Protein backbone atom coordinates (compact mmCIF):
# COMPACT_ATOMS: atom_id res chain seq x y z
CA MET A 1 72.19 -21.80 -37.19
CA VAL A 2 69.29 -19.76 -36.13
CA ASP A 3 65.76 -21.27 -36.05
CA LEU A 4 63.23 -18.51 -37.02
CA LYS A 5 59.82 -19.83 -36.43
CA THR A 6 57.70 -16.78 -36.89
CA ASP A 7 57.61 -13.44 -38.83
CA GLY A 8 58.09 -11.79 -35.50
CA ASP A 9 61.34 -13.59 -35.19
CA VAL A 10 62.33 -12.36 -38.54
CA LYS A 11 61.51 -8.90 -37.95
CA GLU A 12 63.22 -8.90 -34.53
CA MET A 13 66.46 -10.32 -36.37
CA ALA A 14 66.41 -7.75 -38.99
CA GLU A 15 66.07 -4.92 -36.64
CA MET A 16 68.88 -6.24 -34.50
CA LEU A 17 71.08 -6.55 -37.66
CA ASP A 18 70.23 -2.93 -38.69
CA MET A 19 71.22 -1.70 -35.18
CA ILE A 20 74.45 -3.66 -35.40
CA SER A 21 75.31 -2.41 -38.80
CA ASP A 22 74.80 1.22 -37.77
CA LYS A 23 76.61 0.95 -34.42
CA ILE A 24 79.80 -1.02 -35.42
CA PRO A 25 81.20 1.62 -37.88
CA LYS A 26 80.58 4.39 -35.35
CA ILE A 27 82.48 2.24 -32.53
CA LEU A 28 85.47 1.41 -35.06
CA ASN A 29 85.68 5.15 -36.07
CA GLY A 30 85.72 6.38 -32.47
CA MET A 31 88.46 3.94 -31.87
CA MET A 32 90.58 5.03 -34.72
CA GLU A 33 90.12 8.70 -33.70
CA SER A 34 91.34 7.95 -30.29
CA LEU A 35 94.45 6.15 -31.51
CA TYR A 36 95.35 8.78 -34.10
CA SER A 37 94.45 11.98 -32.33
CA VAL A 38 97.10 14.79 -31.44
CA ASP A 39 96.42 14.13 -27.75
CA ARG A 40 97.15 10.48 -28.17
CA ALA A 41 100.46 11.19 -30.15
CA LYS A 42 101.36 13.60 -27.34
CA THR A 43 100.69 11.02 -24.81
CA ILE A 44 102.75 8.32 -26.49
CA GLY A 45 105.61 10.72 -26.90
CA GLN A 46 105.62 11.53 -23.23
CA SER A 47 105.30 7.76 -22.39
CA VAL A 48 108.27 6.75 -24.73
CA GLY A 49 110.27 9.77 -23.28
CA ALA A 50 109.53 8.82 -19.66
CA LEU A 51 110.55 5.39 -20.19
CA TYR A 52 113.93 6.25 -21.80
CA LYS A 53 114.47 8.83 -18.94
CA GLU A 54 113.54 6.23 -16.26
CA LEU A 55 115.86 3.53 -17.94
CA MET A 56 118.80 6.10 -18.07
CA GLU A 57 118.24 7.09 -14.42
CA SER A 58 118.22 3.49 -13.32
CA GLY A 59 121.87 3.03 -14.98
CA ILE A 60 120.90 1.25 -18.21
CA PRO A 61 123.52 2.03 -20.73
CA GLU A 62 122.25 4.70 -23.37
CA ASP A 63 122.34 2.37 -26.27
CA ALA A 64 120.11 -0.28 -24.38
CA ALA A 65 117.81 2.35 -23.01
CA LEU A 66 117.36 3.72 -26.56
CA LYS A 67 116.70 0.26 -27.99
CA MET A 68 114.23 -0.50 -25.30
CA SER A 69 112.51 2.84 -25.85
CA MET A 70 112.28 2.08 -29.52
CA ASP A 71 110.96 -1.47 -28.93
CA TYR A 72 108.28 -0.02 -26.77
CA MET A 73 107.32 2.48 -29.44
CA ILE A 74 107.27 -0.28 -32.07
CA SER A 75 105.02 -2.31 -29.73
CA ILE A 76 102.56 0.58 -29.55
CA LYS A 77 102.62 0.89 -33.34
CA ASP A 78 101.87 -2.75 -33.62
CA VAL A 79 98.83 -2.63 -31.43
CA SER A 80 97.57 0.32 -33.38
CA LYS A 81 97.95 -1.77 -36.81
CA MET A 82 95.89 -4.68 -35.13
CA THR A 83 93.08 -2.18 -34.86
CA LYS A 84 93.35 -0.51 -38.21
CA THR A 85 90.09 -1.03 -40.27
CA ASP A 86 91.16 -0.07 -43.83
């Protein structure tokens, strides 16, 4: 619990809350835009494709490489869900 002893403390706390309430939505929107942008989708696609290709070139059987690549894509999706704000 915050112990506010003066009107100055109350004013300072109010200003800080105003600043936070203004900045937090902007930060969250920026994060969402970076997660769901065309560039991000392209990067994810390249990443999953590169993983699949590397697994195949390493001698992993096709069905296992496909499953591992799909699991990787799902893990990216799960991380994105955790950051979703709506």
